[in-house]
Amino acid sequence: MEEPSSSPPPSSGDDEAEEETTTTAQEAVNSQKSRRSREFEELRKLAANRKSEEGGELSAYERMQLKKQEELDALRARGALTQQIKVVLIQVRR
């Protein structure tokens, strides 16, 4: 007598859909990281130009703004990745 399995074997269609979703999610995250990186580099360049124009160092306020921007970018990237993971998990469960 054979015992029924608790779950059916995964079909290749489900695997392909999951892989495609994961790839799409990763591409979205990479795109967002790239955009944020470019934005941050632009901020750095602006700050460096200002520094050279004024002939001095960045003010405490400017350093704080750059640091806050770095932290915000890191949080956004982490949040975007978390959101993409949730989407993948929801789609995998279907």
C-alpha atoms as a PDB file:
ATOM      1  CA  MET A   1       0.000   0.000   0.000  1.00  0.00           C
ATOM      2  CA  GLU A   2       1.398   3.380  -0.992  1.00  0.00           C
ATOM      3  CA  GLU A   3       1.021   6.359   1.300  1.00  0.00           C
ATOM      4  CA  PRO A   4      -0.175   9.556  -0.364  1.00  0.00           C
ATOM      5  CA  SER A   5       2.380  12.321  -0.275  1.00  0.00           C
ATOM      6  CA  SER A   6       1.531  15.381   1.781  1.00  0.00           C
ATOM      7  CA  SER A   7       2.165  17.773  -1.094  1.00  0.00           C
ATOM      8  CA  PRO A   8       2.222  17.307  -4.839  1.00  0.00           C
ATOM      9  CA  PRO A   9       5.578  17.583  -6.561  1.00  0.00           C
ATOM     10  CA  PRO A  10       6.262  21.071  -7.894  1.00  0.00           C
ATOM     11  CA  SER A  11       5.623  21.490 -11.575  1.00  0.00           C
ATOM     12  CA  SER A  12       8.228  22.984 -13.842  1.00  0.00           C
ATOM     13  CA  GLY A  13       5.786  25.781 -14.734  1.00  0.00           C
ATOM     14  CA  ASP A  14       5.705  26.914 -11.113  1.00  0.00           C
ATOM     15  CA  ASP A  15       9.499  26.803 -10.945  1.00  0.00           C
ATOM     16  CA  GLU A  16       9.806  28.852 -14.115  1.00  0.00           C
ATOM     17  CA  ALA A  17       7.284  31.439 -12.885  1.00  0.00           C
ATOM     18  CA  GLU A  18       9.064  31.697  -9.540  1.00  0.00           C
ATOM     19  CA  GLU A  19      12.444  32.071 -11.246  1.00  0.00           C
ATOM     20  CA  GLU A  20      11.077  34.741 -13.606  1.00  0.00           C
ATOM     21  CA  THR A  21       9.497  36.628 -10.702  1.00  0.00           C
ATOM     22  CA  THR A  22      12.716  36.449  -8.706  1.00  0.00           C
ATOM     23  CA  THR A  23      14.713  37.680 -11.698  1.00  0.00           C
ATOM     24  CA  THR A  24      12.276  40.536 -12.291  1.00  0.00           C
ATOM     25  CA  ALA A  25      12.370  41.507  -8.615  1.00  0.00           C
ATOM     26  CA  GLN A  26      16.163  41.444  -8.574  1.00  0.00           C
ATOM     27  CA  GLU A  27      16.318  43.569 -11.731  1.00  0.00           C
ATOM     28  CA  ALA A  28      13.990  46.126 -10.128  1.00  0.00           C
ATOM     29  CA  VAL A  29      16.126  46.269  -6.991  1.00  0.00           C
ATOM     30  CA  ASN A  30      19.329  46.593  -9.030  1.00  0.00           C
ATOM     31  CA  SER A  31      17.782  49.368 -11.115  1.00  0.00           C
ATOM     32  CA  GLN A  32      16.742  51.258  -8.004  1.00  0.00           C
ATOM     33  CA  LYS A  33      20.183  50.813  -6.420  1.00  0.00           C
ATOM     34  CA  SER A  34      21.814  52.101  -9.585  1.00  0.00           C
ATOM     35  CA  ARG A  35      19.551  55.152  -9.695  1.00  0.00           C
ATOM     36  CA  ARG A  36      20.175  55.922  -6.016  1.00  0.00           C
ATOM     37  CA  SER A  37      23.897  55.524  -6.518  1.00  0.00           C
ATOM     38  CA  ARG A  38      23.854  58.014  -9.405  1.00  0.00           C
ATOM     39  CA  GLU A  39      21.785  60.467  -7.351  1.00  0.00           C
ATOM     40  CA  PHE A  40      24.215  60.194  -4.463  1.00  0.00           C
ATOM     41  CA  GLU A  41      27.207  60.713  -6.751  1.00  0.00           C
ATOM     42  CA  GLU A  42      25.546  63.853  -8.096  1.00  0.00           C
ATOM     43  CA  LEU A  43      25.153  65.128  -4.537  1.00  0.00           C
ATOM     44  CA  ARG A  44      28.814  64.403  -3.836  1.00  0.00           C
ATOM     45  CA  LYS A  45      29.887  66.254  -6.977  1.00  0.00           C
ATOM     46  CA  LEU A  46      27.741  69.247  -6.080  1.00  0.00           C
ATOM     47  CA  ALA A  47      29.217  69.287  -2.596  1.00  0.00           C
ATOM     48  CA  ALA A  48      32.753  68.972  -3.971  1.00  0.00           C
ATOM     49  CA  ASN A  49      32.139  71.808  -6.447  1.00  0.00           C
ATOM     50  CA  ARG A  50      30.797  73.988  -3.698  1.00  0.00           C
ATOM     51  CA  LYS A  51      33.783  73.158  -1.542  1.00  0.00           C
ATOM     52  CA  SER A  52      36.217  74.122  -4.294  1.00  0.00           C
ATOM     53  CA  GLU A  53      34.286  77.321  -5.065  1.00  0.00           C
ATOM     54  CA  GLU A  54      34.350  78.406  -1.450  1.00  0.00           C
ATOM     55  CA  GLY A  55      37.918  77.231  -0.957  1.00  0.00           C
ATOM     56  CA  GLY A  56      37.048  75.486   2.272  1.00  0.00           C
ATOM     57  CA  GLU A  57      35.693  72.306   3.694  1.00  0.00           C
ATOM     58  CA  LEU A  58      32.087  71.253   3.770  1.00  0.00           C
ATOM     59  CA  SER A  59      30.125  72.857   6.540  1.00  0.00           C
ATOM     60  CA  ALA A  60      28.810  70.723   9.369  1.00  0.00           C
ATOM     61  CA  TYR A  61      25.332  71.125   7.904  1.00  0.00           C
ATOM     62  CA  GLU A  62      26.452  69.874   4.479  1.00  0.00           C
ATOM     63  CA  ARG A  63      28.240  66.883   6.026  1.00  0.00           C
ATOM     64  CA  MET A  64      25.112  66.098   8.020  1.00  0.00           C
ATOM     65  CA  GLN A  65      22.962  66.352   4.867  1.00  0.00           C
ATOM     66  CA  LEU A  66      25.256  63.974   2.972  1.00  0.00           C
ATOM     67  CA  LYS A  67      25.238  61.518   5.856  1.00  0.00           C
ATOM     68  CA  LYS A  68      21.444  61.676   6.103  1.00  0.00           C
ATOM     69  CA  GLN A  69      21.163  61.120   2.353  1.00  0.00           C
ATOM     70  CA  GLU A  70      23.422  58.046   2.576  1.00  0.00           C
ATOM     71  CA  GLU A  71      21.331  56.638   5.425  1.00  0.00           C
ATOM     72  CA  LEU A  72      18.084  57.375   3.606  1.00  0.00           C
ATOM     73  CA  ASP A  73      19.365  55.687   0.449  1.00  0.00           C
ATOM     74  CA  ALA A  74      20.383  52.616   2.446  1.00  0.00           C
ATOM     75  CA  LEU A  75      16.957  52.438   4.095  1.00  0.00           C
ATOM     76  CA  ARG A  76      15.178  52.853   0.764  1.00  0.00           C
ATOM     77  CA  ALA A  77      17.273  50.121  -0.837  1.00  0.00           C
ATOM     78  CA  ARG A  78      16.582  47.805   2.090  1.00  0.00           C
ATOM     79  CA  GLY A  79      12.870  48.633   1.960  1.00  0.00           C
ATOM     80  CA  ALA A  80      12.705  48.031  -1.787  1.00  0.00           C
ATOM     81  CA  LEU A  81      14.413  44.679  -1.391  1.00  0.00           C
ATOM     82  CA  THR A  82      12.051  43.725   1.436  1.00  0.00           C
ATOM     83  CA  GLN A  83       9.058  44.701  -0.700  1.00  0.00           C
ATOM     84  CA  GLN A  84      10.322  42.672  -3.655  1.00  0.00           C
ATOM     85  CA  ILE A  85      10.874  39.648  -1.411  1.00  0.00           C
ATOM     86  CA  LYS A  86       7.294  39.956  -0.136  1.00  0.00           C
ATOM     87  CA  VAL A  87       5.998  40.057  -3.713  1.00  0.00           C
ATOM     88  CA  VAL A  88       7.982  36.946  -4.610  1.00  0.00           C
ATOM     89  CA  LEU A  89       6.769  35.091  -1.523  1.00  0.00           C
ATOM     90  CA  ILE A  90       3.151  35.987  -2.253  1.00  0.00           C
ATOM     91  CA  GLN A  91       3.485  34.811  -5.843  1.00  0.00           C
ATOM     92  CA  VAL A  92       5.209  31.593  -4.795  1.00  0.00           C
ATOM     93  CA  ARG A  93       2.398  30.788  -2.361  1.00  0.00           C
ATOM     94  CA  ARG A  94      -0.235  31.048  -5.098  1.00  0.00           C
END
